[in-house]
Amino acid sequence: MQSLDSGKLIYGVHPVLEALRREGNAVEEVIVVKGRRAPWFEEVKALAQKYGVRFRLADQTWIKRLVGPVNHQGVIARTHGYRYMAEPEMLQRLQQADRNALLVVADCIQDPMNLGNLLRTAYAVGAQGVLIPKDRAVGVTSVVIKAAAGAMVHLPVCRVTNLTTAITHFKEIGLWVIGAEATASQTLYGVDLTGPLALVIGGEGQGLRPRVKQACDLLVAIPMAGEQVGSLNAATAGAVMMYEIYRQRAAAQLRRK
């Protein structure tokens, strides 16, 4: 069985369609379960033909052996693998965004579902990119791509060897770095989040690593009425914080009109 974590298989209707629409040349082959005639079938087939992508039908059993017990929705695609954006390109992308710049930094997130959901939310709120470390963290895998529900073909991910050093580089181009920290004295809702930002979300269990925490300009907490819960998981905490950034920026834009 080919490992889903190879990054060369994507599955699910929306991720496959988005990959074909945006990066058809990066797809090697599309495989659909025999007998599947869902509304998306003709579009997938037409896009595959447009980009010269091999299109074939296969038995459900064969596909299950290939991808395992996942909800593939009857369609999978082989790709050349995910292409991470280089740090210099990401720096340029954030500079061009000016005051609307938003970089989401995931510090050692290991659950692919958490990373995928973070990516999906980051795209929804208009972030220009996501920064992740190479070590002690999940990369962009098939599970991540499926959880991101198509966001991966629109939102670049940069993978770096030293996350703290990379954060410093983004600070140098004018981004204010805010870290999510459950024990911080400052709460999320008391901070101006309308300028160019890098939002740092810690990994499951350990939160932000000490050196990453030190690299932040400010640490903020999400206030919670139910204190017995302790803290939110990475994807949920990231979503709460990203939508507060989005809310503040939208309100500021209305005031400027």
C-alpha atoms as a PDB file:
ATOM      1  CA  MET A   1       0.000   0.000   0.000  1.00  0.00           C
ATOM      2  CA  GLN A   2       1.294   3.481  -0.825  1.00  0.00           C
ATOM      3  CA  SER A   3       1.554   5.665   2.264  1.00  0.00           C
ATOM      4  CA  LEU A   4      -0.879   8.552   2.422  1.00  0.00           C
ATOM      5  CA  ASP A   5       1.839  10.596   4.081  1.00  0.00           C
ATOM      6  CA  SER A   6       3.911  10.511   0.903  1.00  0.00           C
ATOM      7  CA  GLY A   7       2.079  13.639  -0.217  1.00  0.00           C
ATOM      8  CA  LYS A   8       1.605  12.115  -3.697  1.00  0.00           C
ATOM      9  CA  LEU A   9      -1.998  10.989  -3.270  1.00  0.00           C
ATOM     10  CA  ILE A  10      -4.951  13.269  -2.723  1.00  0.00           C
ATOM     11  CA  TYR A  11      -8.502  12.077  -2.335  1.00  0.00           C
ATOM     12  CA  GLY A  12     -12.002  13.468  -2.033  1.00  0.00           C
ATOM     13  CA  VAL A  13     -14.092  15.353  -4.585  1.00  0.00           C
ATOM     14  CA  HIS A  14     -13.244  18.913  -3.560  1.00  0.00           C
ATOM     15  CA  PRO A  15      -9.457  18.481  -3.144  1.00  0.00           C
ATOM     16  CA  VAL A  16      -9.161  16.643  -6.476  1.00  0.00           C
ATOM     17  CA  LEU A  17     -11.299  19.178  -8.349  1.00  0.00           C
ATOM     18  CA  GLU A  18      -9.358  22.112  -6.893  1.00  0.00           C
ATOM     19  CA  ALA A  19      -6.042  20.492  -7.796  1.00  0.00           C
ATOM     20  CA  LEU A  20      -7.208  20.019 -11.388  1.00  0.00           C
ATOM     21  CA  ARG A  21      -8.657  23.517 -11.690  1.00  0.00           C
ATOM     22  CA  ARG A  22      -5.640  25.317 -10.304  1.00  0.00           C
ATOM     23  CA  GLU A  23      -2.668  23.061 -10.964  1.00  0.00           C
ATOM     24  CA  GLY A  24      -3.767  20.579 -13.603  1.00  0.00           C
ATOM     25  CA  ASN A  25      -0.218  20.087 -14.833  1.00  0.00           C
ATOM     26  CA  ALA A  26       0.861  18.893 -11.364  1.00  0.00           C
ATOM     27  CA  VAL A  27      -1.589  15.970 -11.452  1.00  0.00           C
ATOM     28  CA  GLU A  28      -0.307  12.719 -12.964  1.00  0.00           C
ATOM     29  CA  GLU A  29      -3.415  10.559 -12.842  1.00  0.00           C
ATOM     30  CA  VAL A  30      -7.041  10.596 -11.712  1.00  0.00           C
ATOM     31  CA  ILE A  31      -8.714   7.358 -10.630  1.00  0.00           C
ATOM     32  CA  VAL A  32     -12.483   7.054 -10.131  1.00  0.00           C
ATOM     33  CA  VAL A  33     -14.432   4.131  -8.689  1.00  0.00           C
ATOM     34  CA  LYS A  34     -16.197   2.130 -11.406  1.00  0.00           C
ATOM     35  CA  GLY A  35     -19.891   2.835 -11.713  1.00  0.00           C
ATOM     36  CA  ARG A  36     -19.625   6.234 -10.020  1.00  0.00           C
ATOM     37  CA  ARG A  37     -21.707   8.751 -11.961  1.00  0.00           C
ATOM     38  CA  ALA A  38     -22.012  11.586  -9.477  1.00  0.00           C
ATOM     39  CA  PRO A  39     -22.544  15.221 -10.636  1.00  0.00           C
ATOM     40  CA  TRP A  40     -18.803  15.898 -10.363  1.00  0.00           C
ATOM     41  CA  PHE A  41     -17.777  12.982 -12.602  1.00  0.00           C
ATOM     42  CA  GLU A  42     -17.953  14.785 -15.951  1.00  0.00           C
ATOM     43  CA  GLU A  43     -16.106  17.850 -14.660  1.00  0.00           C
ATOM     44  CA  VAL A  44     -13.276  15.730 -13.274  1.00  0.00           C
ATOM     45  CA  LYS A  45     -13.043  13.809 -16.545  1.00  0.00           C
ATOM     46  CA  ALA A  46     -13.111  16.992 -18.667  1.00  0.00           C
ATOM     47  CA  LEU A  47     -10.411  18.686 -16.599  1.00  0.00           C
ATOM     48  CA  ALA A  48      -8.220  15.598 -16.791  1.00  0.00           C
ATOM     49  CA  GLN A  49      -8.568  15.589 -20.579  1.00  0.00           C
ATOM     50  CA  LYS A  50      -7.850  19.330 -20.758  1.00  0.00           C
ATOM     51  CA  TYR A  51      -4.505  18.949 -18.986  1.00  0.00           C
ATOM     52  CA  GLY A  52      -3.569  15.630 -20.534  1.00  0.00           C
ATOM     53  CA  VAL A  53      -3.942  13.815 -17.218  1.00  0.00           C
ATOM     54  CA  ARG A  54      -4.454  10.069 -17.351  1.00  0.00           C
ATOM     55  CA  PHE A  55      -8.026   9.174 -16.337  1.00  0.00           C
ATOM     56  CA  ARG A  56      -9.126   5.664 -15.452  1.00  0.00           C
ATOM     57  CA  LEU A  57     -11.709   3.666 -13.555  1.00  0.00           C
ATOM     58  CA  ALA A  58     -10.888   1.130 -10.861  1.00  0.00           C
ATOM     59  CA  ASP A  59     -12.669  -1.238  -8.500  1.00  0.00           C
ATOM     60  CA  GLN A  60     -13.589   0.012  -5.047  1.00  0.00           C
ATOM     61  CA  THR A  61     -11.502  -2.800  -3.515  1.00  0.00           C
ATOM     62  CA  TRP A  62      -8.399  -1.782  -5.476  1.00  0.00           C
ATOM     63  CA  ILE A  63      -8.723   1.861  -4.421  1.00  0.00           C
ATOM     64  CA  LYS A  64      -9.201   0.853  -0.804  1.00  0.00           C
ATOM     65  CA  ARG A  65      -5.973  -1.151  -0.958  1.00  0.00           C
ATOM     66  CA  LEU A  66      -4.204   1.920  -2.323  1.00  0.00           C
ATOM     67  CA  VAL A  67      -5.416   4.575   0.114  1.00  0.00           C
ATOM     68  CA  GLY A  68      -6.675   2.598   3.086  1.00  0.00           C
ATOM     69  CA  PRO A  69      -9.900   3.084   5.081  1.00  0.00           C
ATOM     70  CA  VAL A  70     -10.455   6.764   4.303  1.00  0.00           C
ATOM     71  CA  ASN A  71     -13.461   8.630   2.928  1.00  0.00           C
ATOM     72  CA  HIS A  72     -12.165   9.078  -0.623  1.00  0.00           C
ATOM     73  CA  GLN A  73     -15.671   9.809  -2.031  1.00  0.00           C
ATOM     74  CA  GLY A  74     -14.914   7.690  -5.079  1.00  0.00           C
ATOM     75  CA  VAL A  75     -12.048   9.726  -6.525  1.00  0.00           C
ATOM     76  CA  ILE A  76      -8.295   9.942  -5.937  1.00  0.00           C
ATOM     77  CA  ALA A  77      -5.429  11.600  -7.789  1.00  0.00           C
ATOM     78  CA  ARG A  78      -1.711  10.981  -8.020  1.00  0.00           C
ATOM     79  CA  THR A  79       0.361  14.155  -8.019  1.00  0.00           C
ATOM     80  CA  HIS A  80       4.027  15.060  -8.241  1.00  0.00           C
ATOM     81  CA  GLY A  81       3.954  15.808  -4.520  1.00  0.00           C
ATOM     82  CA  TYR A  82       3.340  19.042  -2.642  1.00  0.00           C
ATOM     83  CA  ARG A  83       5.641  21.936  -3.532  1.00  0.00           C
ATOM     84  CA  TYR A  84       6.449  24.117  -0.538  1.00  0.00           C
ATOM     85  CA  MET A  85       7.020  27.817  -1.103  1.00  0.00           C
ATOM     86  CA  ALA A  86      10.572  29.007  -0.432  1.00  0.00           C
ATOM     87  CA  GLU A  87      11.046  31.481   2.414  1.00  0.00           C
ATOM     88  CA  PRO A  88      12.208  34.374   0.160  1.00  0.00           C
ATOM     89  CA  GLU A  89       9.035  33.986  -1.928  1.00  0.00           C
ATOM     90  CA  MET A  90       6.872  33.956   1.180  1.00  0.00           C
ATOM     91  CA  LEU A  91       8.609  37.084   2.497  1.00  0.00           C
ATOM     92  CA  GLN A  92       7.897  38.842  -0.791  1.00  0.00           C
ATOM     93  CA  ARG A  93       4.278  37.695  -0.760  1.00  0.00           C
ATOM     94  CA  LEU A  94       3.759  39.128   2.730  1.00  0.00           C
ATOM     95  CA  GLN A  95       5.466  42.407   1.819  1.00  0.00           C
ATOM     96  CA  GLN A  96       3.149  42.840  -1.153  1.00  0.00           C
ATOM     97  CA  ALA A  97       0.120  42.349   1.103  1.00  0.00           C
ATOM     98  CA  ASP A  98       1.189  45.463   3.060  1.00  0.00           C
ATOM     99  CA  ARG A  99      -1.104  46.212   6.034  1.00  0.00           C
ATOM    100  CA  ASN A 100      -3.342  43.234   5.217  1.00  0.00           C
ATOM    101  CA  ALA A 101      -0.461  40.803   5.675  1.00  0.00           C
ATOM    102  CA  LEU A 102      -1.286  37.740   7.754  1.00  0.00           C
ATOM    103  CA  LEU A 103       1.049  34.793   8.203  1.00  0.00           C
ATOM    104  CA  VAL A 104      -0.094  31.807  10.260  1.00  0.00           C
ATOM    105  CA  VAL A 105       2.763  29.997  12.007  1.00  0.00           C
ATOM    106  CA  ALA A 106       2.159  26.437  13.241  1.00  0.00           C
ATOM    107  CA  ASP A 107       4.743  25.488  15.863  1.00  0.00           C
ATOM    108  CA  CYS A 108       5.196  21.702  15.847  1.00  0.00           C
ATOM    109  CA  ILE A 109       1.618  20.654  15.118  1.00  0.00           C
ATOM    110  CA  GLN A 110       1.674  16.876  14.701  1.00  0.00           C
ATOM    111  CA  ASP A 111      -1.960  16.007  14.017  1.00  0.00           C
ATOM    112  CA  PRO A 112      -2.635  16.248  10.248  1.00  0.00           C
ATOM    113  CA  MET A 113      -6.312  17.006  10.856  1.00  0.00           C
ATOM    114  CA  ASN A 114      -5.378  19.977  13.045  1.00  0.00           C
ATOM    115  CA  LEU A 115      -2.982  21.326  10.429  1.00  0.00           C
ATOM    116  CA  GLY A 116      -5.488  20.798   7.633  1.00  0.00           C
ATOM    117  CA  ASN A 117      -8.218  22.616   9.545  1.00  0.00           C
ATOM    118  CA  LEU A 118      -5.824  25.470  10.344  1.00  0.00           C
ATOM    119  CA  LEU A 119      -4.992  25.801   6.655  1.00  0.00           C
ATOM    120  CA  ARG A 120      -8.664  25.824   5.720  1.00  0.00           C
ATOM    121  CA  THR A 121      -9.406  28.602   8.203  1.00  0.00           C
ATOM    122  CA  ALA A 122      -6.286  30.563   7.231  1.00  0.00           C
ATOM    123  CA  TYR A 123      -7.429  30.623   3.621  1.00  0.00           C
ATOM    124  CA  ALA A 124     -10.978  31.579   4.626  1.00  0.00           C
ATOM    125  CA  VAL A 125      -9.796  34.671   6.533  1.00  0.00           C
ATOM    126  CA  GLY A 126      -7.415  35.822   3.797  1.00  0.00           C
ATOM    127  CA  ALA A 127      -4.006  34.800   5.156  1.00  0.00           C
ATOM    128  CA  GLN A 128      -1.194  34.993   2.615  1.00  0.00           C
ATOM    129  CA  GLY A 129       0.564  31.855   3.816  1.00  0.00           C
ATOM    130  CA  VAL A 130       1.412  29.345   6.525  1.00  0.00           C
ATOM    131  CA  LEU A 131       4.829  28.658   8.048  1.00  0.00           C
ATOM    132  CA  ILE A 132       5.731  25.258   9.532  1.00  0.00           C
ATOM    133  CA  PRO A 133       8.950  23.625  10.818  1.00  0.00           C
ATOM    134  CA  LYS A 134      10.572  20.607   9.166  1.00  0.00           C
ATOM    135  CA  ASP A 135      11.218  18.709  12.399  1.00  0.00           C
ATOM    136  CA  ARG A 136       8.807  17.409  15.060  1.00  0.00           C
ATOM    137  CA  ALA A 137       5.809  18.474  12.983  1.00  0.00           C
ATOM    138  CA  VAL A 138       3.536  17.046  10.321  1.00  0.00           C
ATOM    139  CA  GLY A 139       4.114  18.213   6.768  1.00  0.00           C
ATOM    140  CA  VAL A 140       1.585  18.558   3.968  1.00  0.00           C
ATOM    141  CA  THR A 141       0.210  15.033   3.557  1.00  0.00           C
ATOM    142  CA  SER A 142      -2.845  13.583   1.864  1.00  0.00           C
ATOM    143  CA  VAL A 143      -4.732  13.733   5.167  1.00  0.00           C
ATOM    144  CA  VAL A 144      -3.829  17.415   5.555  1.00  0.00           C
ATOM    145  CA  ILE A 145      -4.938  18.168   1.998  1.00  0.00           C
ATOM    146  CA  LYS A 146      -8.285  16.413   2.522  1.00  0.00           C
ATOM    147  CA  ALA A 147      -8.906  18.253   5.818  1.00  0.00           C
ATOM    148  CA  ALA A 148      -8.056  21.581   4.162  1.00  0.00           C
ATOM    149  CA  ALA A 149     -10.882  20.942   1.654  1.00  0.00           C
ATOM    150  CA  GLY A 150      -9.229  22.536  -1.374  1.00  0.00           C
ATOM    151  CA  ALA A 151      -7.466  25.413   0.392  1.00  0.00           C
ATOM    152  CA  MET A 152      -4.057  23.889  -0.381  1.00  0.00           C
ATOM    153  CA  VAL A 153      -4.089  24.926  -4.025  1.00  0.00           C
ATOM    154  CA  HIS A 154      -4.729  28.563  -3.062  1.00  0.00           C
ATOM    155  CA  LEU A 155      -2.686  28.973   0.115  1.00  0.00           C
ATOM    156  CA  PRO A 156       1.106  28.434   0.047  1.00  0.00           C
ATOM    157  CA  VAL A 157       2.940  26.672   2.857  1.00  0.00           C
ATOM    158  CA  CYS A 158       6.583  27.396   3.674  1.00  0.00           C
ATOM    159  CA  ARG A 159       8.583  24.740   5.537  1.00  0.00           C
ATOM    160  CA  VAL A 160      11.746  25.870   7.324  1.00  0.00           C
ATOM    161  CA  THR A 161      14.571  24.261   9.275  1.00  0.00           C
ATOM    162  CA  ASN A 162      14.658  26.868  12.058  1.00  0.00           C
ATOM    163  CA  LEU A 163      11.264  28.337  12.896  1.00  0.00           C
ATOM    164  CA  THR A 164      12.617  30.939  15.334  1.00  0.00           C
ATOM    165  CA  THR A 165      15.057  32.315  12.763  1.00  0.00           C
ATOM    166  CA  ALA A 166      12.334  32.449  10.127  1.00  0.00           C
ATOM    167  CA  ILE A 167      10.019  34.331  12.493  1.00  0.00           C
ATOM    168  CA  THR A 168      12.795  36.905  12.968  1.00  0.00           C
ATOM    169  CA  HIS A 169      12.990  37.387   9.194  1.00  0.00           C
ATOM    170  CA  PHE A 170       9.264  38.099   9.014  1.00  0.00           C
ATOM    171  CA  LYS A 171       9.565  40.560  11.888  1.00  0.00           C
ATOM    172  CA  GLU A 172      12.232  42.393   9.890  1.00  0.00           C
ATOM    173  CA  ILE A 173       9.755  43.115   7.070  1.00  0.00           C
ATOM    174  CA  GLY A 174       7.290  44.663   9.514  1.00  0.00           C
ATOM    175  CA  LEU A 175       5.099  41.849  10.800  1.00  0.00           C
ATOM    176  CA  TRP A 176       4.033  42.007  14.439  1.00  0.00           C
ATOM    177  CA  VAL A 177       4.270  38.516  15.924  1.00  0.00           C
ATOM    178  CA  ILE A 178       1.498  37.382  18.266  1.00  0.00           C
ATOM    179  CA  GLY A 179       1.615  34.023  20.019  1.00  0.00           C
ATOM    180  CA  ALA A 180      -1.300  32.057  21.447  1.00  0.00           C
ATOM    181  CA  GLU A 181      -0.566  31.283  25.097  1.00  0.00           C
ATOM    182  CA  ALA A 182      -3.220  30.034  27.520  1.00  0.00           C
ATOM    183  CA  THR A 183      -1.515  31.608  30.568  1.00  0.00           C
ATOM    184  CA  ALA A 184      -0.890  35.051  29.024  1.00  0.00           C
ATOM    185  CA  SER A 185      -2.130  38.047  31.017  1.00  0.00           C
ATOM    186  CA  GLN A 186      -3.292  39.888  27.893  1.00  0.00           C
ATOM    187  CA  THR A 187      -6.465  38.602  26.233  1.00  0.00           C
ATOM    188  CA  LEU A 188      -7.104  38.368  22.521  1.00  0.00           C
ATOM    189  CA  TYR A 189      -9.959  40.874  22.604  1.00  0.00           C
ATOM    190  CA  GLY A 190      -7.901  43.678  24.129  1.00  0.00           C
ATOM    191  CA  VAL A 191      -5.339  43.864  21.315  1.00  0.00           C
ATOM    192  CA  ASP A 192      -5.341  45.830  18.056  1.00  0.00           C
ATOM    193  CA  LEU A 193      -4.999  43.192  15.330  1.00  0.00           C
ATOM    194  CA  THR A 194      -5.506  45.399  12.277  1.00  0.00           C
ATOM    195  CA  GLY A 195      -1.855  45.709  11.225  1.00  0.00           C
ATOM    196  CA  PRO A 196       0.441  43.234   9.443  1.00  0.00           C
ATOM    197  CA  LEU A 197       0.640  40.138  11.638  1.00  0.00           C
ATOM    198  CA  ALA A 198       2.173  36.744  12.149  1.00  0.00           C
ATOM    199  CA  LEU A 199      -0.028  34.562  14.356  1.00  0.00           C
ATOM    200  CA  VAL A 200       1.793  31.700  16.090  1.00  0.00           C
ATOM    201  CA  ILE A 201      -0.177  28.632  17.202  1.00  0.00           C
ATOM    202  CA  GLY A 202       1.477  26.018  19.420  1.00  0.00           C
ATOM    203  CA  GLY A 203       1.418  22.275  18.964  1.00  0.00           C
ATOM    204  CA  GLU A 204      -0.762  19.751  20.729  1.00  0.00           C
ATOM    205  CA  GLY A 205       0.080  19.333  24.397  1.00  0.00           C
ATOM    206  CA  GLN A 206       3.223  21.445  24.686  1.00  0.00           C
ATOM    207  CA  GLY A 207       1.964  24.709  23.186  1.00  0.00           C
ATOM    208  CA  LEU A 208       4.610  27.182  22.063  1.00  0.00           C
ATOM    209  CA  ARG A 209       8.214  26.124  22.536  1.00  0.00           C
ATOM    210  CA  PRO A 210      10.287  28.465  24.773  1.00  0.00           C
ATOM    211  CA  ARG A 211      12.434  29.952  21.987  1.00  0.00           C
ATOM    212  CA  VAL A 212       9.422  30.471  19.737  1.00  0.00           C
ATOM    213  CA  LYS A 213       7.612  32.120  22.627  1.00  0.00           C
ATOM    214  CA  GLN A 214      10.569  34.465  23.158  1.00  0.00           C
ATOM    215  CA  ALA A 215      10.492  35.427  19.473  1.00  0.00           C
ATOM    216  CA  CYS A 216       6.905  36.699  19.790  1.00  0.00           C
ATOM    217  CA  ASP A 217       6.240  40.408  20.304  1.00  0.00           C
ATOM    218  CA  LEU A 218       3.160  39.663  22.391  1.00  0.00           C
ATOM    219  CA  LEU A 219       1.449  36.638  23.920  1.00  0.00           C
ATOM    220  CA  VAL A 220      -2.334  36.586  24.165  1.00  0.00           C
ATOM    221  CA  ALA A 221      -4.873  34.240  25.710  1.00  0.00           C
ATOM    222  CA  ILE A 222      -8.376  33.314  24.588  1.00  0.00           C
ATOM    223  CA  PRO A 223     -10.740  34.034  27.491  1.00  0.00           C
ATOM    224  CA  MET A 224     -12.993  31.093  28.371  1.00  0.00           C
ATOM    225  CA  ALA A 225     -16.016  30.860  30.644  1.00  0.00           C
ATOM    226  CA  GLY A 226     -15.611  27.098  31.063  1.00  0.00           C
ATOM    227  CA  GLU A 227     -12.287  27.053  32.873  1.00  0.00           C
ATOM    228  CA  GLN A 228     -12.377  23.318  33.584  1.00  0.00           C
ATOM    229  CA  VAL A 229     -11.640  22.600  29.915  1.00  0.00           C
ATOM    230  CA  GLY A 230      -8.097  23.947  30.300  1.00  0.00           C
ATOM    231  CA  SER A 231      -7.410  24.993  26.719  1.00  0.00           C
ATOM    232  CA  LEU A 232      -8.696  24.621  23.178  1.00  0.00           C
ATOM    233  CA  ASN A 233      -7.011  22.368  20.650  1.00  0.00           C
ATOM    234  CA  ALA A 234      -4.677  23.918  18.091  1.00  0.00           C
ATOM    235  CA  ALA A 235      -7.154  24.096  15.212  1.00  0.00           C
ATOM    236  CA  THR A 236      -9.946  25.564  17.348  1.00  0.00           C
ATOM    237  CA  ALA A 237      -7.698  28.112  19.056  1.00  0.00           C
ATOM    238  CA  GLY A 238      -6.302  29.127  15.688  1.00  0.00           C
ATOM    239  CA  ALA A 239      -9.789  29.558  14.235  1.00  0.00           C
ATOM    240  CA  VAL A 240     -10.937  31.752  17.149  1.00  0.00           C
ATOM    241  CA  MET A 241      -7.881  33.986  16.829  1.00  0.00           C
ATOM    242  CA  MET A 242      -7.948  34.205  13.038  1.00  0.00           C
ATOM    243  CA  TYR A 243     -11.588  35.215  12.978  1.00  0.00           C
ATOM    244  CA  GLU A 244     -10.956  37.932  15.565  1.00  0.00           C
ATOM    245  CA  ILE A 245      -8.222  39.270  13.269  1.00  0.00           C
ATOM    246  CA  TYR A 246     -10.648  39.089  10.349  1.00  0.00           C
ATOM    247  CA  ARG A 247     -13.411  40.812  12.357  1.00  0.00           C
ATOM    248  CA  GLN A 248     -11.181  43.688  13.451  1.00  0.00           C
ATOM    249  CA  ARG A 249      -9.833  44.239   9.953  1.00  0.00           C
ATOM    250  CA  ALA A 250     -13.295  44.181   8.384  1.00  0.00           C
ATOM    251  CA  ALA A 251     -14.541  46.711  10.958  1.00  0.00           C
ATOM    252  CA  ALA A 252     -11.519  48.960  10.349  1.00  0.00           C
ATOM    253  CA  GLN A 253     -12.115  48.831   6.607  1.00  0.00           C
ATOM    254  CA  LEU A 254     -15.736  49.902   7.066  1.00  0.00           C
ATOM    255  CA  ARG A 255     -14.637  52.845   9.210  1.00  0.00           C
ATOM    256  CA  ARG A 256     -12.254  54.005   6.480  1.00  0.00           C
ATOM    257  CA  LYS A 257     -15.049  54.156   3.880  1.00  0.00           C
END
